[in-house]
C-alpha cells in the first residue's frame, strides 16, 4: 500500500492509497503508529483515496482514536468518501472521530 505523508503546519496528514483491508491495513497501522508515538501527536488521516475498509481497517482507526483519546485529543479524518462514511455510521463508530473536508481545516482544528 502506498501511504503519502504531508506536513500541514505541525500536523502530519497520512493519506493511504487504496482499500484499508487485510495486510494493507496492517501496513498502514505500522506507519500511523510511528506518528502516534511522538510526544503530543498531531495526526490527521485523509481517506480521499480509500474506496472502502474492512474490519481490520476499522480496527486501525479505532486503535488510533483510542490512543489519541487517552491523550485528550480526537482522531481527525479528512475527505471521507461516502462508502467509508457509511461504514463508520452503520457500525456506530462515527462519533469517535472528527470529520473535515480538507487537510487545512483539520490542521487548524489543533489550534
C-alpha atoms as a PDB file:
ATOM      1  CA  UNK A   1       0.000   0.000   0.000  1.00  0.00           C
ATOM      2  CA  UNK A   2       1.244   3.453  -0.863  1.00  0.00           C
ATOM      3  CA  UNK A   3       0.938   5.935   2.007  1.00  0.00           C
ATOM      4  CA  UNK A   4       1.579   9.592   1.342  1.00  0.00           C
ATOM      5  CA  UNK A   5       2.558  11.851   4.227  1.00  0.00           C
ATOM      6  CA  UNK A   6       2.220  15.607   4.110  1.00  0.00           C
ATOM      7  CA  UNK A   7       3.018  18.162   6.782  1.00  0.00           C
ATOM      8  CA  UNK A   8       0.363  20.850   7.126  1.00  0.00           C
ATOM      9  CA  UNK A   9       1.906  23.186   9.652  1.00  0.00           C
ATOM     10  CA  UNK A  10       2.719  20.943  12.603  1.00  0.00           C
ATOM     11  CA  UNK A  11       0.170  18.280  11.616  1.00  0.00           C
ATOM     12  CA  UNK A  12       1.096  15.018   9.889  1.00  0.00           C
ATOM     13  CA  UNK A  13      -1.564  14.134   7.320  1.00  0.00           C
ATOM     14  CA  UNK A  14      -1.368  10.485   6.295  1.00  0.00           C
ATOM     15  CA  UNK A  15      -3.080   9.514   3.051  1.00  0.00           C
ATOM     16  CA  UNK A  16      -3.371   5.801   2.359  1.00  0.00           C
ATOM     17  CA  UNK A  17      -3.947   4.932  -1.284  1.00  0.00           C
ATOM     18  CA  UNK A  18      -6.344   2.014  -1.719  1.00  0.00           C
ATOM     19  CA  UNK A  19      -8.620  -0.047   0.472  1.00  0.00           C
ATOM     20  CA  UNK A  20      -7.894  -0.296   4.192  1.00  0.00           C
ATOM     21  CA  UNK A  21      -8.165  -4.062   4.248  1.00  0.00           C
ATOM     22  CA  UNK A  22      -6.114  -7.144   5.063  1.00  0.00           C
ATOM     23  CA  UNK A  23      -2.339  -6.649   5.114  1.00  0.00           C
ATOM     24  CA  UNK A  24      -2.676  -3.123   3.714  1.00  0.00           C
ATOM     25  CA  UNK A  25      -4.487  -2.157   6.916  1.00  0.00           C
ATOM     26  CA  UNK A  26      -1.649  -3.660   8.952  1.00  0.00           C
ATOM     27  CA  UNK A  27       0.932  -1.754   6.917  1.00  0.00           C
ATOM     28  CA  UNK A  28      -1.000   1.469   7.412  1.00  0.00           C
ATOM     29  CA  UNK A  29      -1.273   0.791  11.166  1.00  0.00           C
ATOM     30  CA  UNK A  30       2.521   0.489  11.373  1.00  0.00           C
ATOM     31  CA  UNK A  31       3.019   3.801   9.556  1.00  0.00           C
ATOM     32  CA  UNK A  32       0.380   5.505  11.691  1.00  0.00           C
ATOM     33  CA  UNK A  33       1.846   4.270  14.988  1.00  0.00           C
ATOM     34  CA  UNK A  34       5.166   5.934  14.155  1.00  0.00           C
ATOM     35  CA  UNK A  35       3.369   9.280  14.258  1.00  0.00           C
ATOM     36  CA  UNK A  36       1.179   8.441  17.251  1.00  0.00           C
ATOM     37  CA  UNK A  37       4.235   7.574  19.336  1.00  0.00           C
ATOM     38  CA  UNK A  38       5.578  11.136  19.119  1.00  0.00           C
ATOM     39  CA  UNK A  39       5.017  13.367  22.137  1.00  0.00           C
ATOM     40  CA  UNK A  40       1.815  15.394  21.629  1.00  0.00           C
ATOM     41  CA  UNK A  41       0.973  13.814  18.253  1.00  0.00           C
ATOM     42  CA  UNK A  42      -0.891  15.915  15.719  1.00  0.00           C
ATOM     43  CA  UNK A  43      -2.240  13.499  13.151  1.00  0.00           C
ATOM     44  CA  UNK A  44      -4.982  13.569  10.543  1.00  0.00           C
ATOM     45  CA  UNK A  45      -5.878  10.812   8.122  1.00  0.00           C
ATOM     46  CA  UNK A  46      -7.087  11.606   4.628  1.00  0.00           C
ATOM     47  CA  UNK A  47      -9.410   8.885   3.340  1.00  0.00           C
ATOM     48  CA  UNK A  48      -9.901  10.583  -0.010  1.00  0.00           C
ATOM     49  CA  UNK A  49      -8.296   7.681  -1.893  1.00  0.00           C
ATOM     50  CA  UNK A  50      -9.711   4.885   0.259  1.00  0.00           C
ATOM     51  CA  UNK A  51     -12.689   3.321  -1.535  1.00  0.00           C
ATOM     52  CA  UNK A  52     -13.617   1.020   1.366  1.00  0.00           C
ATOM     53  CA  UNK A  53     -12.385  -0.568   4.569  1.00  0.00           C
ATOM     54  CA  UNK A  54     -12.923  -3.904   6.242  1.00  0.00           C
ATOM     55  CA  UNK A  55     -12.888  -4.796   9.941  1.00  0.00           C
ATOM     56  CA  UNK A  56      -9.094  -4.608  10.039  1.00  0.00           C
ATOM     57  CA  UNK A  57      -9.197  -1.083   8.627  1.00  0.00           C
ATOM     58  CA  UNK A  58     -11.830  -0.115  11.201  1.00  0.00           C
ATOM     59  CA  UNK A  59      -9.666  -1.607  13.938  1.00  0.00           C
ATOM     60  CA  UNK A  60      -6.716   0.555  12.843  1.00  0.00           C
ATOM     61  CA  UNK A  61      -8.836   3.708  13.049  1.00  0.00           C
ATOM     62  CA  UNK A  62     -10.359   2.740  16.405  1.00  0.00           C
ATOM     63  CA  UNK A  63      -6.955   1.930  17.898  1.00  0.00           C
ATOM     64  CA  UNK A  64      -5.592   5.288  16.719  1.00  0.00           C
ATOM     65  CA  UNK A  65      -8.680   7.106  18.023  1.00  0.00           C
ATOM     66  CA  UNK A  66      -8.313   5.415  21.423  1.00  0.00           C
ATOM     67  CA  UNK A  67      -4.601   6.260  21.537  1.00  0.00           C
ATOM     68  CA  UNK A  68      -5.341   9.930  20.881  1.00  0.00           C
ATOM     69  CA  UNK A  69      -8.335   9.955  23.239  1.00  0.00           C
ATOM     70  CA  UNK A  70      -6.027   8.805  26.045  1.00  0.00           C
ATOM     71  CA  UNK A  71      -4.001  11.959  25.350  1.00  0.00           C
ATOM     72  CA  UNK A  72      -7.050  14.226  25.333  1.00  0.00           C
ATOM     73  CA  UNK A  73      -7.425  14.506  21.574  1.00  0.00           C
ATOM     74  CA  UNK A  74      -9.599  13.068  18.791  1.00  0.00           C
ATOM     75  CA  UNK A  75      -8.584  11.490  15.520  1.00  0.00           C
ATOM     76  CA  UNK A  76      -9.258  13.788  12.581  1.00  0.00           C
ATOM     77  CA  UNK A  77     -10.474  12.213   9.334  1.00  0.00           C
ATOM     78  CA  UNK A  78     -10.258  14.199   6.120  1.00  0.00           C
ATOM     79  CA  UNK A  79     -12.210  13.855   2.862  1.00  0.00           C
ATOM     80  CA  UNK A  80     -14.046  10.692   3.853  1.00  0.00           C
ATOM     81  CA  UNK A  81     -15.865   9.194   0.877  1.00  0.00           C
ATOM     82  CA  UNK A  82     -19.482   8.110   1.045  1.00  0.00           C
ATOM     83  CA  UNK A  83     -18.762   4.381   1.362  1.00  0.00           C
ATOM     84  CA  UNK A  84     -16.284   4.772   4.225  1.00  0.00           C
ATOM     85  CA  UNK A  85     -18.533   7.311   5.930  1.00  0.00           C
ATOM     86  CA  UNK A  86     -21.457   4.906   5.668  1.00  0.00           C
ATOM     87  CA  UNK A  87     -19.344   2.088   7.158  1.00  0.00           C
ATOM     88  CA  UNK A  88     -18.411   4.318  10.105  1.00  0.00           C
ATOM     89  CA  UNK A  89     -22.031   5.361  10.631  1.00  0.00           C
ATOM     90  CA  UNK A  90     -23.518   1.867  10.292  1.00  0.00           C
ATOM     91  CA  UNK A  91     -21.037   0.489  12.820  1.00  0.00           C
ATOM     92  CA  UNK A  92     -21.832   3.315  15.240  1.00  0.00           C
ATOM     93  CA  UNK A  93     -18.211   4.486  15.230  1.00  0.00           C
ATOM     94  CA  UNK A  94     -18.512   7.867  13.531  1.00  0.00           C
ATOM     95  CA  UNK A  95     -18.834   9.722  16.842  1.00  0.00           C
ATOM     96  CA  UNK A  96     -15.273   8.701  17.766  1.00  0.00           C
ATOM     97  CA  UNK A  97     -13.803  10.892  15.019  1.00  0.00           C
ATOM     98  CA  UNK A  98     -13.811  14.485  13.850  1.00  0.00           C
ATOM     99  CA  UNK A  99     -14.529  14.925  10.144  1.00  0.00           C
ATOM    100  CA  UNK A 100     -13.081  17.629   7.896  1.00  0.00           C
ATOM    101  CA  UNK A 101     -13.422  18.463   4.222  1.00  0.00           C
ATOM    102  CA  UNK A 102      -9.730  19.251   3.748  1.00  0.00           C
ATOM    103  CA  UNK A 103      -6.335  18.956   5.432  1.00  0.00           C
ATOM    104  CA  UNK A 104      -6.078  22.662   6.167  1.00  0.00           C
ATOM    105  CA  UNK A 105      -9.288  22.629   8.191  1.00  0.00           C
ATOM    106  CA  UNK A 106      -8.111  19.576  10.118  1.00  0.00           C
ATOM    107  CA  UNK A 107      -4.766  21.244  10.858  1.00  0.00           C
ATOM    108  CA  UNK A 108      -6.468  24.448  12.047  1.00  0.00           C
ATOM    109  CA  UNK A 109      -8.583  22.423  14.484  1.00  0.00           C
ATOM    110  CA  UNK A 110      -5.460  21.762  16.569  1.00  0.00           C
ATOM    111  CA  UNK A 111      -5.144  25.475  17.394  1.00  0.00           C
END
